[in-house]
Amino acid sequence: MYNTNNLNLCVYIYTYTNNIINILVIKEQEIIDLLEDIGLTHSQALIYFSLLKAGTKGTIVRELDHALDINRTNIYPILNELIKLGYVKEGGQAIKSKNAKIFIAIDPGKVLDQLIERKNSEIKKLLEIKKTHSNSLQTIFKKGVEISLDEIDANLIPYFQPLLNSGWTLQSYIERKEVTMFNYQVYDCILNAPHANILKDCSFHLFVFDYNIEKDKDALRFFTQGLKRKTKEMKSYFYDIKQFQLIDDTMSLFDKQVHCFEMQIKIKDLEKSKYFAKILKQFKDEERKNQYYKIGKAIILPLKEKIFYLWAESDKIIKEMVAPIFMTEGN
């Protein structure tokens, strides 16, 4: 006759054992989560915890590979990361395992002490930064960065000096050298036109070649296409603008005809743009909202060994930017 007491005992032992296993798994997961909370990646936490369980004797990579769902080739770089972070150290070689390196977890108490010391040092540094630079950072936050003429290449000063004298500011300046099929120097700048209606940021890009690019029609055609693509990137400058188009045109600047692009966006997209939402009221007719609105103009101005690429809100502002260029270049 089957003994129900034995069956109940087996069920009890099975249930109890499963509960113990589940508790251990939960506790292990809590520790892994804790290690991630103090800055380790998931894989780093798994490896460090496995080494903790190995105790002071440590273990080799093969054992970690068997215990963890991490590819062995990935374990080595993670161990090196943990060594640099101060969580793990090397502990000699395992003679019985073909002299494989032994890795040992650093005492977690020491690890936490190091972390606390590091965090205290970071907090001290942050407090010092706040004390010495807070006002400057607040000024930048409220007014933007303003670059002085002594921070830029001297060759650009004649182009900017008249503008800055009349209230413009230089917000951004980047100098770089491009070595492609053409060898040229690039100056990327953002100017701020205080009298602009909506778009106060004006772009000034100068490409300087080692030969007269103005006479190289093929190169000019190549650059025009490239700059047209660059102008299309303006779409990302105006957040949430989905429909953006460029109209090829020419513009008369001081008796010189130059290639330009008129930049237009769909009127119905204006309500999604922080720049143009305030002028949406003038477009009440739903039919007109399917039309395009001119937001600015970009010009390409080749002069001898230079190409000037400028964009601004209006023809008037473009002409203000171009005037010092013609004065400097003698055109």
Protein backbone atom coordinates (compact mmCIF):
# COMPACT_ATOMS: atom_id res chain seq x y z
CA MET A 1 0.00 0.00 0.00
CA TYR A 2 1.31 3.45 -0.98
CA ASN A 3 2.38 5.56 1.99
CA THR A 4 0.81 9.03 1.65
CA ASN A 5 3.01 10.32 4.47
CA ASN A 6 6.11 9.61 2.37
CA LEU A 7 4.52 11.38 -0.60
CA ASN A 8 3.69 14.42 1.50
CA LEU A 9 7.23 14.46 2.88
CA CYS A 10 8.68 14.35 -0.65
CA VAL A 11 6.42 17.19 -1.76
CA TYR A 12 7.43 19.19 1.32
CA ILE A 13 11.16 18.62 0.72
CA TYR A 14 10.81 19.48 -2.97
CA THR A 15 8.87 22.66 -2.22
CA TYR A 16 11.26 23.68 0.56
CA THR A 17 14.30 23.08 -1.66
CA ASN A 18 12.76 25.07 -4.52
CA ASN A 19 11.97 27.92 -2.17
CA ILE A 20 15.54 27.97 -0.89
CA ILE A 21 16.86 28.02 -4.48
CA ASN A 22 14.45 30.82 -5.39
CA ILE A 23 15.52 32.83 -2.34
CA LEU A 24 19.18 32.39 -3.28
CA VAL A 25 18.47 33.43 -6.87
CA ILE A 26 16.57 36.49 -5.67
CA LYS A 27 19.39 37.44 -3.31
CA GLU A 28 21.98 36.99 -6.05
CA GLN A 29 19.94 39.18 -8.39
CA GLU A 30 19.66 41.81 -5.67
CA ILE A 31 23.44 41.82 -5.30
CA ILE A 32 23.92 42.07 -9.08
CA ASP A 33 21.49 45.00 -9.13
CA LEU A 34 23.38 46.60 -6.25
CA LEU A 35 26.69 46.27 -8.09
CA GLU A 36 25.13 47.88 -11.15
CA ASP A 37 23.80 50.69 -8.95
CA ILE A 38 27.34 51.54 -7.85
CA GLY A 39 28.54 51.82 -11.43
CA LEU A 40 29.33 48.40 -12.89
CA THR A 41 27.89 47.18 -16.17
CA HIS A 42 25.77 44.03 -16.05
CA SER A 43 28.63 41.85 -17.34
CA GLN A 44 31.13 43.43 -14.94
CA ALA A 45 28.73 42.83 -12.05
CA LEU A 46 28.25 39.16 -12.99
CA ILE A 47 31.98 38.51 -13.19
CA TYR A 48 32.82 40.38 -9.98
CA PHE A 49 30.07 38.56 -8.09
CA SER A 50 31.31 35.20 -9.41
CA LEU A 51 34.79 36.05 -8.16
CA LEU A 52 33.34 37.09 -4.80
CA LYS A 53 31.79 33.64 -4.48
CA ALA A 54 35.17 32.08 -5.29
CA GLY A 55 36.58 33.80 -2.20
CA THR A 56 40.21 34.62 -1.54
CA LYS A 57 41.50 31.72 -3.63
CA GLY A 58 39.98 33.20 -6.80
CA THR A 59 39.35 31.32 -10.02
CA ILE A 60 40.37 31.08 -13.66
CA VAL A 61 38.61 32.28 -16.79
CA ARG A 62 37.57 28.77 -17.81
CA GLU A 63 35.53 28.43 -14.62
CA LEU A 64 33.94 31.82 -15.19
CA ASP A 65 33.11 30.75 -18.73
CA HIS A 66 31.33 27.65 -17.41
CA ALA A 67 29.42 29.56 -14.75
CA LEU A 68 28.36 32.60 -16.76
CA ASP A 69 26.53 33.22 -20.00
CA ILE A 70 29.40 35.37 -21.28
CA ASN A 71 31.66 34.41 -24.17
CA ARG A 72 35.18 33.63 -22.99
CA THR A 73 36.71 36.09 -25.45
CA ASN A 74 34.67 38.83 -23.78
CA ILE A 75 35.59 37.81 -20.23
CA TYR A 76 39.26 38.82 -20.56
CA PRO A 77 38.64 42.47 -21.51
CA ILE A 78 35.97 42.76 -18.80
CA LEU A 79 38.43 41.41 -16.22
CA ASN A 80 40.97 44.00 -17.36
CA GLU A 81 38.33 46.70 -16.92
CA LEU A 82 37.60 45.45 -13.39
CA ILE A 83 41.31 45.44 -12.57
CA LYS A 84 41.60 49.08 -13.69
CA LEU A 85 38.52 49.97 -11.64
CA GLY A 86 40.01 48.34 -8.54
CA TYR A 87 37.53 45.47 -8.22
CA VAL A 88 39.80 42.58 -9.24
CA LYS A 89 43.45 41.59 -9.04
CA GLU A 90 45.59 38.86 -10.55
CA GLY A 91 46.60 36.12 -8.14
CA GLY A 92 49.27 34.03 -9.78
CA GLN A 93 48.80 30.90 -11.90
CA ALA A 94 46.83 27.68 -11.53
CA ILE A 95 49.44 24.94 -11.97
CA LYS A 96 46.81 22.21 -12.40
CA SER A 97 45.15 24.20 -15.19
CA LYS A 98 48.15 24.71 -17.48
CA ASN A 99 49.27 27.79 -15.56
CA ALA A 100 46.10 29.73 -16.35
CA LYS A 101 45.90 33.11 -14.64
CA ILE A 102 43.97 33.26 -11.40
CA PHE A 103 41.75 36.27 -10.81
CA ILE A 104 40.66 37.30 -7.32
CA ALA A 105 37.97 39.74 -6.24
CA ILE A 106 39.16 42.67 -4.15
CA ASP A 107 37.61 42.72 -0.68
CA PRO A 108 34.19 44.43 -1.17
CA GLY A 109 34.77 46.51 1.95
CA LYS A 110 37.90 48.00 0.39
CA VAL A 111 36.07 48.50 -2.91
CA LEU A 112 33.32 50.47 -1.18
CA ASP A 113 35.88 52.55 0.73
CA GLN A 114 37.58 53.39 -2.58
CA LEU A 115 34.24 54.31 -4.14
CA ILE A 116 33.31 56.55 -1.23
CA GLU A 117 36.70 58.26 -1.40
CA ARG A 118 36.34 58.73 -5.16
CA LYS A 119 32.81 60.12 -4.85
CA ASN A 120 33.87 62.49 -2.08
CA SER A 121 36.68 63.72 -4.31
CA GLU A 122 34.22 64.24 -7.18
CA ILE A 123 31.81 66.13 -4.92
CA LYS A 124 34.66 68.32 -3.68
CA LYS A 125 35.66 69.07 -7.27
CA LEU A 126 32.06 69.87 -8.26
CA LEU A 127 31.70 72.25 -5.33
CA GLU A 128 34.91 73.98 -6.37
CA ILE A 129 33.67 74.29 -9.96
CA LYS A 130 30.39 75.72 -8.71
CA LYS A 131 32.23 78.22 -6.55
CA THR A 132 34.64 79.42 -9.24
CA HIS A 133 32.70 79.02 -12.50
CA SER A 134 29.00 79.17 -11.65
CA ASN A 135 28.59 82.83 -12.61
CA SER A 136 30.40 82.35 -15.93
CA LEU A 137 28.29 79.31 -16.77
CA GLN A 138 25.11 81.19 -15.90
CA THR A 139 26.14 84.03 -18.20
CA ILE A 140 26.77 81.59 -21.05
CA PHE A 141 23.42 79.93 -20.36
CA LYS A 142 21.55 83.23 -20.52
CA LYS A 143 23.50 85.11 -23.18
CA GLY A 144 25.45 82.48 -25.09
CA VAL A 145 29.18 82.33 -25.77
CA GLU A 146 30.79 85.42 -27.23
CA ILE A 147 34.14 84.99 -28.97
CA SER A 148 36.55 87.89 -29.22
CA LEU A 149 38.58 88.75 -32.32
CA ASP A 150 41.87 87.84 -30.64
CA GLU A 151 40.62 84.22 -30.44
CA ILE A 152 40.30 83.77 -34.21
CA ASP A 153 42.63 83.63 -37.21
CA ALA A 154 43.90 87.12 -38.00
CA ASN A 155 42.88 86.74 -41.66
CA LEU A 156 39.21 86.66 -40.64
CA ILE A 157 39.26 89.81 -38.54
CA PRO A 158 38.59 92.22 -41.46
CA TYR A 159 35.42 90.26 -42.31
CA PHE A 160 34.06 90.45 -38.76
CA GLN A 161 35.37 93.72 -37.33
CA PRO A 162 32.76 96.01 -39.00
CA LEU A 163 29.94 93.68 -37.96
CA LEU A 164 31.08 93.46 -34.35
CA ASN A 165 31.48 97.22 -34.24
CA SER A 166 27.80 97.55 -35.16
CA GLY A 167 26.54 95.21 -32.44
CA TRP A 168 26.93 91.76 -33.97
CA THR A 169 28.57 89.02 -31.90
CA LEU A 170 30.64 85.99 -32.83
CA GLN A 171 29.08 82.94 -31.18
CA SER A 172 31.05 80.04 -32.61
CA TYR A 173 34.42 79.56 -34.31
CA ILE A 174 35.92 76.30 -35.58
CA GLU A 175 39.05 75.99 -37.70
CA ARG A 176 39.88 72.75 -39.49
CA LYS A 177 41.88 71.43 -42.42
CA GLU A 178 40.32 69.17 -45.03
CA VAL A 179 42.50 66.83 -47.07
CA THR A 180 40.33 65.17 -49.70
CA MET A 181 40.56 65.48 -53.47
CA PHE A 182 41.03 69.18 -52.71
CA ASN A 183 43.35 70.55 -50.09
CA TYR A 184 41.74 73.44 -48.24
CA GLN A 185 41.37 75.19 -44.91
CA VAL A 186 37.89 75.61 -43.42
CA TYR A 187 36.58 78.21 -40.99
CA ASP A 188 33.09 77.53 -39.59
CA CYS A 189 31.57 80.46 -37.71
CA ILE A 190 28.20 81.48 -36.32
CA LEU A 191 27.44 85.19 -36.01
CA ASN A 192 24.54 86.74 -34.14
CA ALA A 193 22.66 89.56 -35.86
CA PRO A 194 20.79 91.40 -33.08
CA HIS A 195 18.44 93.19 -35.49
CA ALA A 196 17.23 90.01 -37.23
CA ASN A 197 13.51 89.40 -36.92
CA ILE A 198 13.48 85.68 -36.05
CA LEU A 199 16.73 83.92 -36.98
CA LYS A 200 19.46 85.85 -35.27
CA ASP A 201 22.05 83.14 -35.96
CA CYS A 202 23.90 83.69 -39.24
CA SER A 203 26.31 81.18 -40.72
CA PHE A 204 29.71 82.17 -42.09
CA HIS A 205 31.85 79.45 -43.69
CA LEU A 206 35.12 80.16 -45.45
CA PHE A 207 37.00 77.63 -47.59
CA VAL A 208 40.56 78.63 -48.48
CA PHE A 209 42.30 76.71 -51.29
CA ASP A 210 45.88 76.75 -52.52
CA TYR A 211 44.86 77.86 -56.03
CA ASN A 212 42.31 80.10 -57.76
CA ILE A 213 39.14 78.06 -57.23
CA GLU A 214 37.02 80.80 -58.83
CA LYS A 215 38.35 79.82 -62.26
CA ASP A 216 37.85 76.08 -61.75
CA LYS A 217 34.28 75.62 -62.95
CA ASP A 218 34.22 71.85 -62.33
CA ALA A 219 35.42 72.26 -58.75
CA LEU A 220 32.90 75.05 -58.18
CA ARG A 221 30.10 72.84 -59.48
CA PHE A 222 31.23 70.06 -57.15
CA PHE A 223 31.33 72.40 -54.15
CA THR A 224 28.01 73.96 -55.02
CA GLN A 225 26.33 70.56 -54.88
CA GLY A 226 28.07 69.78 -51.59
CA LEU A 227 27.04 73.08 -50.07
CA LYS A 228 23.50 72.57 -51.25
CA ARG A 229 23.43 69.31 -49.31
CA LYS A 230 24.83 71.19 -46.33
CA THR A 231 22.08 73.78 -46.65
CA LYS A 232 19.48 71.01 -46.60
CA GLU A 233 20.84 70.05 -43.20
CA MET A 234 19.30 73.30 -42.00
CA LYS A 235 16.14 71.22 -41.72
CA SER A 236 17.55 69.63 -38.57
CA TYR A 237 18.34 73.08 -37.18
CA PHE A 238 14.63 73.89 -37.02
CA TYR A 239 13.12 71.27 -34.73
CA ASP A 240 10.18 69.23 -36.04
CA ILE A 241 10.31 70.76 -39.53
CA LYS A 242 9.37 67.92 -41.87
CA GLN A 243 9.10 69.62 -45.26
CA PHE A 244 12.01 71.77 -46.34
CA GLN A 245 12.95 72.87 -49.83
CA LEU A 246 15.67 74.87 -51.57
CA ILE A 247 15.03 77.05 -54.59
CA ASP A 248 18.06 77.72 -56.80
CA ASP A 249 18.43 81.39 -57.60
CA THR A 250 20.94 84.16 -58.17
CA MET A 251 21.46 87.31 -56.16
CA SER A 252 23.07 90.62 -57.07
CA LEU A 253 25.70 91.68 -54.55
CA PHE A 254 27.66 94.84 -55.29
CA ASP A 255 27.29 94.36 -59.06
CA LYS A 256 28.26 90.69 -58.84
CA GLN A 257 25.78 87.88 -59.56
CA VAL A 258 26.18 85.02 -57.09
CA HIS A 259 24.55 81.62 -56.78
CA CYS A 260 22.11 81.33 -53.89
CA PHE A 261 19.45 79.06 -52.40
CA GLU A 262 16.18 80.32 -51.02
CA MET A 263 15.27 78.22 -47.98
CA GLN A 264 11.58 77.44 -47.52
CA ILE A 265 9.53 75.38 -45.08
CA LYS A 266 5.92 74.23 -45.19
CA ILE A 267 3.70 76.77 -43.44
CA LYS A 268 1.77 74.07 -41.58
CA ASP A 269 5.04 72.96 -39.97
CA LEU A 270 5.54 76.38 -38.40
CA GLU A 271 3.37 75.55 -35.41
CA LYS A 272 5.83 72.79 -34.48
CA SER A 273 8.86 75.07 -34.58
CA LYS A 274 9.88 77.16 -31.60
CA TYR A 275 11.34 79.70 -34.03
CA PHE A 276 8.30 80.36 -36.18
CA ALA A 277 5.25 79.53 -34.07
CA LYS A 278 4.66 83.20 -33.26
CA ILE A 279 4.16 84.17 -36.92
CA LEU A 280 1.70 81.36 -37.65
CA LYS A 281 -1.24 83.64 -36.86
CA GLN A 282 -0.84 85.48 -40.16
CA PHE A 283 -1.64 82.24 -42.02
CA LYS A 284 -5.28 81.67 -41.09
CA ASP A 285 -6.37 80.15 -44.37
CA GLU A 286 -5.93 76.35 -44.22
CA GLU A 287 -5.16 76.30 -47.92
CA ARG A 288 -2.24 78.68 -47.42
CA LYS A 289 -0.85 76.38 -44.73
CA ASN A 290 0.02 73.93 -47.50
CA GLN A 291 2.25 76.52 -49.11
CA TYR A 292 5.88 77.26 -48.31
CA TYR A 293 7.32 80.12 -46.30
CA LYS A 294 10.71 81.73 -46.96
CA ILE A 295 12.92 81.45 -43.88
CA GLY A 296 16.19 82.70 -45.28
CA LYS A 297 18.80 82.55 -47.97
CA ALA A 298 22.17 80.89 -48.45
CA ILE A 299 24.77 82.19 -50.90
CA ILE A 300 27.94 80.76 -52.41
CA LEU A 301 30.51 83.43 -53.17
CA PRO A 302 33.76 82.34 -54.89
CA LEU A 303 36.53 84.95 -54.80
CA LYS A 304 39.94 83.90 -56.15
CA GLU A 305 41.27 81.14 -53.86
CA LYS A 306 38.32 81.39 -51.46
CA ILE A 307 34.71 80.28 -51.31
CA PHE A 308 32.42 82.07 -48.87
CA TYR A 309 29.26 80.22 -47.90
CA LEU A 310 26.81 82.37 -45.93
CA TRP A 311 23.23 82.03 -44.80
CA ALA A 312 20.99 84.45 -42.98
CA GLU A 313 17.38 85.42 -42.50
CA SER A 314 17.13 88.12 -45.18
CA ASP A 315 18.82 89.65 -48.21
CA LYS A 316 19.54 92.74 -46.12
CA ILE A 317 21.52 90.78 -43.52
CA ILE A 318 23.33 88.81 -46.23
CA LYS A 319 24.44 92.11 -47.78
CA GLU A 320 25.69 93.33 -44.40
CA MET A 321 27.81 90.18 -44.11
CA VAL A 322 29.11 90.47 -47.66
CA ALA A 323 30.10 94.16 -47.54
CA PRO A 324 33.28 93.64 -45.42
CA ILE A 325 34.23 90.70 -47.64
CA PHE A 326 34.17 92.81 -50.81
CA MET A 327 36.00 95.63 -49.06
CA THR A 328 38.72 93.22 -47.90
CA GLU A 329 39.04 91.28 -51.14
CA GLY A 330 39.04 94.44 -53.28
CA ASN A 331 36.00 93.57 -55.39
